[in-house]
Amino acid sequence: MSADAGWCRKRLFTISRQLKQGKNVERALQQVLLRFAKSKERVERREQRVPSVSYDPELPITAHRDEILETMAAHQVVIVAGETGSGKTTQLPKMCLEAGRGLRGLVGCTQPRRIAARAMADRVSEELGCQLGEAVGYQVRFRERSSPDGYIKFMTDGILLAEAMG
């Protein structure tokens, strides 16, 4: 998981400094290996439980699915622009899931208003055939309905900023 990778990196850096100082690092290395193994198991379980993704052929963005997936595989940042109602908000998170994003963390989707974040989470969870709050959740001020095992999370810009700071 992404959170575990950061922890392991920091811990290994500390261990390497301690090793240079001649300290015994056996116990610390065992902790890192245990955390890594648990994280790997969790990712494997998540891979097995990914909801099956289908797309609405009526939406214009569906015609560009293959091109978007290829671009996502080749680039770290992708900007998609399209008309209102083209399916960007509901279909792009599913494309991210299909591309393997969300297995080691969350696909975060921002919406400018609390009602929009909640409504989009409800819509995407329905399209994926799962309960709201399980694979797809949302978080707005004073209200969160998401799972630690979720894949997609809709939120307001303020919540994303607060999570990034934390």
C-alpha atoms as a PDB file:
ATOM      1  CA  MET A   1       0.000   0.000   0.000  1.00  0.00           C
ATOM      2  CA  SER A   2       1.169   3.555  -0.624  1.00  0.00           C
ATOM      3  CA  ALA A   3       1.151   4.476   3.069  1.00  0.00           C
ATOM      4  CA  ASP A   4       3.265   1.431   3.885  1.00  0.00           C
ATOM      5  CA  ALA A   5       5.782   2.292   1.163  1.00  0.00           C
ATOM      6  CA  GLY A   6       6.438   5.695   2.716  1.00  0.00           C
ATOM      7  CA  TRP A   7       6.807   4.198   6.189  1.00  0.00           C
ATOM      8  CA  CYS A   8       9.187   1.496   4.941  1.00  0.00           C
ATOM      9  CA  ARG A   9      11.303   4.034   3.034  1.00  0.00           C
ATOM     10  CA  LYS A  10      11.715   6.234   6.120  1.00  0.00           C
ATOM     11  CA  ARG A  11      12.443   3.256   8.345  1.00  0.00           C
ATOM     12  CA  LEU A  12      15.040   1.831   5.945  1.00  0.00           C
ATOM     13  CA  PHE A  13      16.773   5.202   5.794  1.00  0.00           C
ATOM     14  CA  THR A  14      16.972   5.240   9.593  1.00  0.00           C
ATOM     15  CA  ILE A  15      18.229   1.646   9.617  1.00  0.00           C
ATOM     16  CA  SER A  16      20.971   2.467   7.103  1.00  0.00           C
ATOM     17  CA  ARG A  17      22.183   5.323   9.349  1.00  0.00           C
ATOM     18  CA  GLN A  18      22.120   3.046  12.394  1.00  0.00           C
ATOM     19  CA  LEU A  19      24.013   0.359  10.496  1.00  0.00           C
ATOM     20  CA  LYS A  20      26.784   2.845   9.645  1.00  0.00           C
ATOM     21  CA  GLN A  21      27.023   3.642  13.356  1.00  0.00           C
ATOM     22  CA  GLY A  22      27.504  -0.048  14.113  1.00  0.00           C
ATOM     23  CA  LYS A  23      24.152  -0.519  15.853  1.00  0.00           C
ATOM     24  CA  ASN A  24      22.174  -3.760  15.824  1.00  0.00           C
ATOM     25  CA  VAL A  25      19.334  -3.334  13.324  1.00  0.00           C
ATOM     26  CA  GLU A  26      17.990  -6.907  13.263  1.00  0.00           C
ATOM     27  CA  ARG A  27      14.729  -6.118  15.084  1.00  0.00           C
ATOM     28  CA  ALA A  28      14.066  -3.017  12.985  1.00  0.00           C
ATOM     29  CA  LEU A  29      14.645  -4.958   9.768  1.00  0.00           C
ATOM     30  CA  GLN A  30      12.210  -7.635  10.929  1.00  0.00           C
ATOM     31  CA  GLN A  31       9.560  -4.928  11.503  1.00  0.00           C
ATOM     32  CA  VAL A  32      10.062  -3.579   7.981  1.00  0.00           C
ATOM     33  CA  LEU A  33       9.866  -7.052   6.451  1.00  0.00           C
ATOM     34  CA  LEU A  34       6.693  -7.845   8.404  1.00  0.00           C
ATOM     35  CA  ARG A  35       5.027  -4.587   7.372  1.00  0.00           C
ATOM     36  CA  PHE A  36       6.064  -5.164   3.753  1.00  0.00           C
ATOM     37  CA  ALA A  37       4.625  -8.705   3.776  1.00  0.00           C
ATOM     38  CA  LYS A  38       1.317  -7.535   5.273  1.00  0.00           C
ATOM     39  CA  SER A  39       1.096  -4.713   2.760  1.00  0.00           C
ATOM     40  CA  LYS A  40       1.756  -7.091  -0.132  1.00  0.00           C
ATOM     41  CA  GLU A  41      -0.982  -9.450   1.102  1.00  0.00           C
ATOM     42  CA  ARG A  42      -3.438  -6.562   1.369  1.00  0.00           C
ATOM     43  CA  VAL A  43      -2.711  -5.421  -2.200  1.00  0.00           C
ATOM     44  CA  GLU A  44      -3.202  -8.988  -3.463  1.00  0.00           C
ATOM     45  CA  ARG A  45      -6.565  -9.220  -1.644  1.00  0.00           C
ATOM     46  CA  ARG A  46      -7.595  -5.862  -3.122  1.00  0.00           C
ATOM     47  CA  GLU A  47      -6.671  -7.043  -6.631  1.00  0.00           C
ATOM     48  CA  GLN A  48      -8.991 -10.027  -6.230  1.00  0.00           C
ATOM     49  CA  ARG A  49     -11.930  -7.888  -5.042  1.00  0.00           C
ATOM     50  CA  VAL A  50     -11.830  -5.112  -7.656  1.00  0.00           C
ATOM     51  CA  PRO A  51     -15.371  -4.550  -8.940  1.00  0.00           C
ATOM     52  CA  SER A  52     -15.944  -5.299 -12.601  1.00  0.00           C
ATOM     53  CA  VAL A  53     -16.042  -2.126 -14.658  1.00  0.00           C
ATOM     54  CA  SER A  54     -18.511  -1.401 -17.442  1.00  0.00           C
ATOM     55  CA  TYR A  55     -19.118   1.801 -19.353  1.00  0.00           C
ATOM     56  CA  ASP A  56     -22.191   3.535 -20.693  1.00  0.00           C
ATOM     57  CA  PRO A  57     -21.798   3.471 -24.501  1.00  0.00           C
ATOM     58  CA  GLU A  58     -24.037   6.545 -24.770  1.00  0.00           C
ATOM     59  CA  LEU A  59     -21.452   8.777 -23.100  1.00  0.00           C
ATOM     60  CA  PRO A  60     -18.957  10.483 -25.447  1.00  0.00           C
ATOM     61  CA  ILE A  61     -15.955   9.724 -23.201  1.00  0.00           C
ATOM     62  CA  THR A  62     -16.485   5.973 -23.665  1.00  0.00           C
ATOM     63  CA  ALA A  63     -15.373   6.252 -27.301  1.00  0.00           C
ATOM     64  CA  HIS A  64     -11.982   7.516 -26.076  1.00  0.00           C
ATOM     65  CA  ARG A  65     -11.500   4.854 -23.389  1.00  0.00           C
ATOM     66  CA  ASP A  66      -8.561   3.043 -25.018  1.00  0.00           C
ATOM     67  CA  GLU A  67      -6.757   6.291 -25.785  1.00  0.00           C
ATOM     68  CA  ILE A  68      -7.228   7.515 -22.198  1.00  0.00           C
ATOM     69  CA  LEU A  69      -6.009   4.212 -20.715  1.00  0.00           C
ATOM     70  CA  GLU A  70      -2.902   4.258 -22.939  1.00  0.00           C
ATOM     71  CA  THR A  71      -2.175   7.855 -21.992  1.00  0.00           C
ATOM     72  CA  MET A  72      -2.603   7.056 -18.288  1.00  0.00           C
ATOM     73  CA  ALA A  73      -0.131   4.187 -18.625  1.00  0.00           C
ATOM     74  CA  ALA A  74       2.435   6.420 -20.319  1.00  0.00           C
ATOM     75  CA  HIS A  75       2.114   9.583 -18.205  1.00  0.00           C
ATOM     76  CA  GLN A  76       1.930  10.443 -14.528  1.00  0.00           C
ATOM     77  CA  VAL A  77      -0.427  13.388 -15.088  1.00  0.00           C
ATOM     78  CA  VAL A  78      -3.259  13.362 -17.622  1.00  0.00           C
ATOM     79  CA  ILE A  79      -5.673  16.219 -18.267  1.00  0.00           C
ATOM     80  CA  VAL A  80      -8.986  15.317 -19.878  1.00  0.00           C
ATOM     81  CA  ALA A  81     -11.236  18.075 -21.157  1.00  0.00           C
ATOM     82  CA  GLY A  82     -14.731  17.556 -22.489  1.00  0.00           C
ATOM     83  CA  GLU A  83     -18.207  18.962 -22.664  1.00  0.00           C
ATOM     84  CA  THR A  84     -20.498  18.987 -19.648  1.00  0.00           C
ATOM     85  CA  GLY A  85     -22.356  15.680 -19.572  1.00  0.00           C
ATOM     86  CA  SER A  86     -19.698  13.767 -21.513  1.00  0.00           C
ATOM     87  CA  GLY A  87     -19.106  11.372 -18.599  1.00  0.00           C
ATOM     88  CA  LYS A  88     -15.793  12.674 -17.253  1.00  0.00           C
ATOM     89  CA  THR A  89     -16.816  12.629 -13.595  1.00  0.00           C
ATOM     90  CA  THR A  90     -18.390   9.188 -13.552  1.00  0.00           C
ATOM     91  CA  GLN A  91     -16.316   7.301 -16.127  1.00  0.00           C
ATOM     92  CA  LEU A  92     -12.759   8.547 -15.453  1.00  0.00           C
ATOM     93  CA  PRO A  93     -12.616   7.072 -11.929  1.00  0.00           C
ATOM     94  CA  LYS A  94     -13.695   3.730 -13.379  1.00  0.00           C
ATOM     95  CA  MET A  95     -10.998   4.016 -16.053  1.00  0.00           C
ATOM     96  CA  CYS A  96      -8.448   4.686 -13.308  1.00  0.00           C
ATOM     97  CA  LEU A  97      -9.642   1.547 -11.550  1.00  0.00           C
ATOM     98  CA  GLU A  98      -9.372  -0.444 -14.782  1.00  0.00           C
ATOM     99  CA  ALA A  99      -5.836   0.915 -15.290  1.00  0.00           C
ATOM    100  CA  GLY A 100      -4.799  -0.489 -11.903  1.00  0.00           C
ATOM    101  CA  ARG A 101      -5.015   2.731  -9.930  1.00  0.00           C
ATOM    102  CA  GLY A 102      -6.610   2.439  -6.517  1.00  0.00           C
ATOM    103  CA  LEU A 103      -5.038  -0.917  -5.692  1.00  0.00           C
ATOM    104  CA  ARG A 104      -2.338   0.521  -3.436  1.00  0.00           C
ATOM    105  CA  GLY A 105      -4.344   3.520  -2.265  1.00  0.00           C
ATOM    106  CA  LEU A 106      -7.350   5.518  -3.395  1.00  0.00           C
ATOM    107  CA  VAL A 107      -8.469   7.164  -6.593  1.00  0.00           C
ATOM    108  CA  GLY A 108      -9.395  10.613  -5.305  1.00  0.00           C
ATOM    109  CA  CYS A 109     -12.038  12.626  -7.143  1.00  0.00           C
ATOM    110  CA  THR A 110     -12.835  16.185  -6.194  1.00  0.00           C
ATOM    111  CA  GLN A 111     -16.130  17.975  -6.555  1.00  0.00           C
ATOM    112  CA  PRO A 112     -16.735  21.654  -5.781  1.00  0.00           C
ATOM    113  CA  ARG A 113     -19.827  21.050  -3.629  1.00  0.00           C
ATOM    114  CA  ARG A 114     -20.687  18.573  -0.873  1.00  0.00           C
ATOM    115  CA  ILE A 115     -23.910  17.481  -2.564  1.00  0.00           C
ATOM    116  CA  ALA A 116     -22.076  16.834  -5.840  1.00  0.00           C
ATOM    117  CA  ALA A 117     -19.426  14.692  -4.125  1.00  0.00           C
ATOM    118  CA  ARG A 118     -22.084  12.621  -2.427  1.00  0.00           C
ATOM    119  CA  ALA A 119     -24.225  12.274  -5.568  1.00  0.00           C
ATOM    120  CA  MET A 120     -21.277  11.252  -7.771  1.00  0.00           C
ATOM    121  CA  ALA A 121     -20.123   8.649  -5.250  1.00  0.00           C
ATOM    122  CA  ASP A 122     -23.637   7.235  -5.184  1.00  0.00           C
ATOM    123  CA  ARG A 123     -23.815   7.153  -8.977  1.00  0.00           C
ATOM    124  CA  VAL A 124     -20.417   5.489  -9.500  1.00  0.00           C
ATOM    125  CA  SER A 125     -21.023   2.916  -6.760  1.00  0.00           C
ATOM    126  CA  GLU A 126     -24.337   2.059  -8.410  1.00  0.00           C
ATOM    127  CA  GLU A 127     -22.632   1.703 -11.814  1.00  0.00           C
ATOM    128  CA  LEU A 128     -20.029  -0.622 -10.273  1.00  0.00           C
ATOM    129  CA  GLY A 129     -22.748  -2.648  -8.577  1.00  0.00           C
ATOM    130  CA  CYS A 130     -21.594  -2.097  -5.016  1.00  0.00           C
ATOM    131  CA  GLN A 131     -22.900  -0.452  -1.864  1.00  0.00           C
ATOM    132  CA  LEU A 132     -22.057   3.201  -1.306  1.00  0.00           C
ATOM    133  CA  GLY A 133     -19.217   3.376   1.195  1.00  0.00           C
ATOM    134  CA  GLU A 134     -17.588   0.090   0.226  1.00  0.00           C
ATOM    135  CA  ALA A 135     -15.614   0.227  -3.053  1.00  0.00           C
ATOM    136  CA  VAL A 136     -16.729   3.812  -3.685  1.00  0.00           C
ATOM    137  CA  GLY A 137     -17.166   6.351  -0.941  1.00  0.00           C
ATOM    138  CA  TYR A 138     -17.213  10.041  -0.226  1.00  0.00           C
ATOM    139  CA  GLN A 139     -16.055  12.514   2.372  1.00  0.00           C
ATOM    140  CA  VAL A 140     -17.356  16.012   2.882  1.00  0.00           C
ATOM    141  CA  ARG A 141     -17.205  18.344   5.861  1.00  0.00           C
ATOM    142  CA  PHE A 142     -18.685  16.612   8.936  1.00  0.00           C
ATOM    143  CA  ARG A 143     -19.641  13.479   6.951  1.00  0.00           C
ATOM    144  CA  GLU A 144     -17.700  10.509   5.662  1.00  0.00           C
ATOM    145  CA  ARG A 145     -18.962   7.323   4.145  1.00  0.00           C
ATOM    146  CA  SER A 146     -15.989   5.348   2.910  1.00  0.00           C
ATOM    147  CA  SER A 147     -14.099   2.198   3.730  1.00  0.00           C
ATOM    148  CA  PRO A 148     -10.383   1.700   4.363  1.00  0.00           C
ATOM    149  CA  ASP A 149     -10.682  -1.044   1.734  1.00  0.00           C
ATOM    150  CA  GLY A 150     -12.316   1.289  -0.820  1.00  0.00           C
ATOM    151  CA  TYR A 151     -10.906   2.093  -4.240  1.00  0.00           C
ATOM    152  CA  ILE A 152     -12.523   5.424  -5.171  1.00  0.00           C
ATOM    153  CA  LYS A 153     -13.280   8.370  -2.932  1.00  0.00           C
ATOM    154  CA  PHE A 154     -15.170  11.517  -3.907  1.00  0.00           C
ATOM    155  CA  MET A 155     -14.489  14.593  -1.809  1.00  0.00           C
ATOM    156  CA  THR A 156     -14.539  18.352  -1.799  1.00  0.00           C
ATOM    157  CA  ASP A 157     -11.376  20.287  -2.637  1.00  0.00           C
ATOM    158  CA  GLY A 158     -10.963  21.245   1.030  1.00  0.00           C
ATOM    159  CA  ILE A 159     -10.990  17.621   2.149  1.00  0.00           C
ATOM    160  CA  LEU A 160      -8.368  16.707  -0.459  1.00  0.00           C
ATOM    161  CA  LEU A 161      -6.184  19.559   0.743  1.00  0.00           C
ATOM    162  CA  ALA A 162      -6.577  18.471   4.369  1.00  0.00           C
ATOM    163  CA  GLU A 163      -5.709  14.845   3.498  1.00  0.00           C
ATOM    164  CA  ALA A 164      -2.680  15.939   1.482  1.00  0.00           C
ATOM    165  CA  MET A 165      -1.441  18.014   4.420  1.00  0.00           C
ATOM    166  CA  GLY A 166      -1.931  15.052   6.781  1.00  0.00           C
END
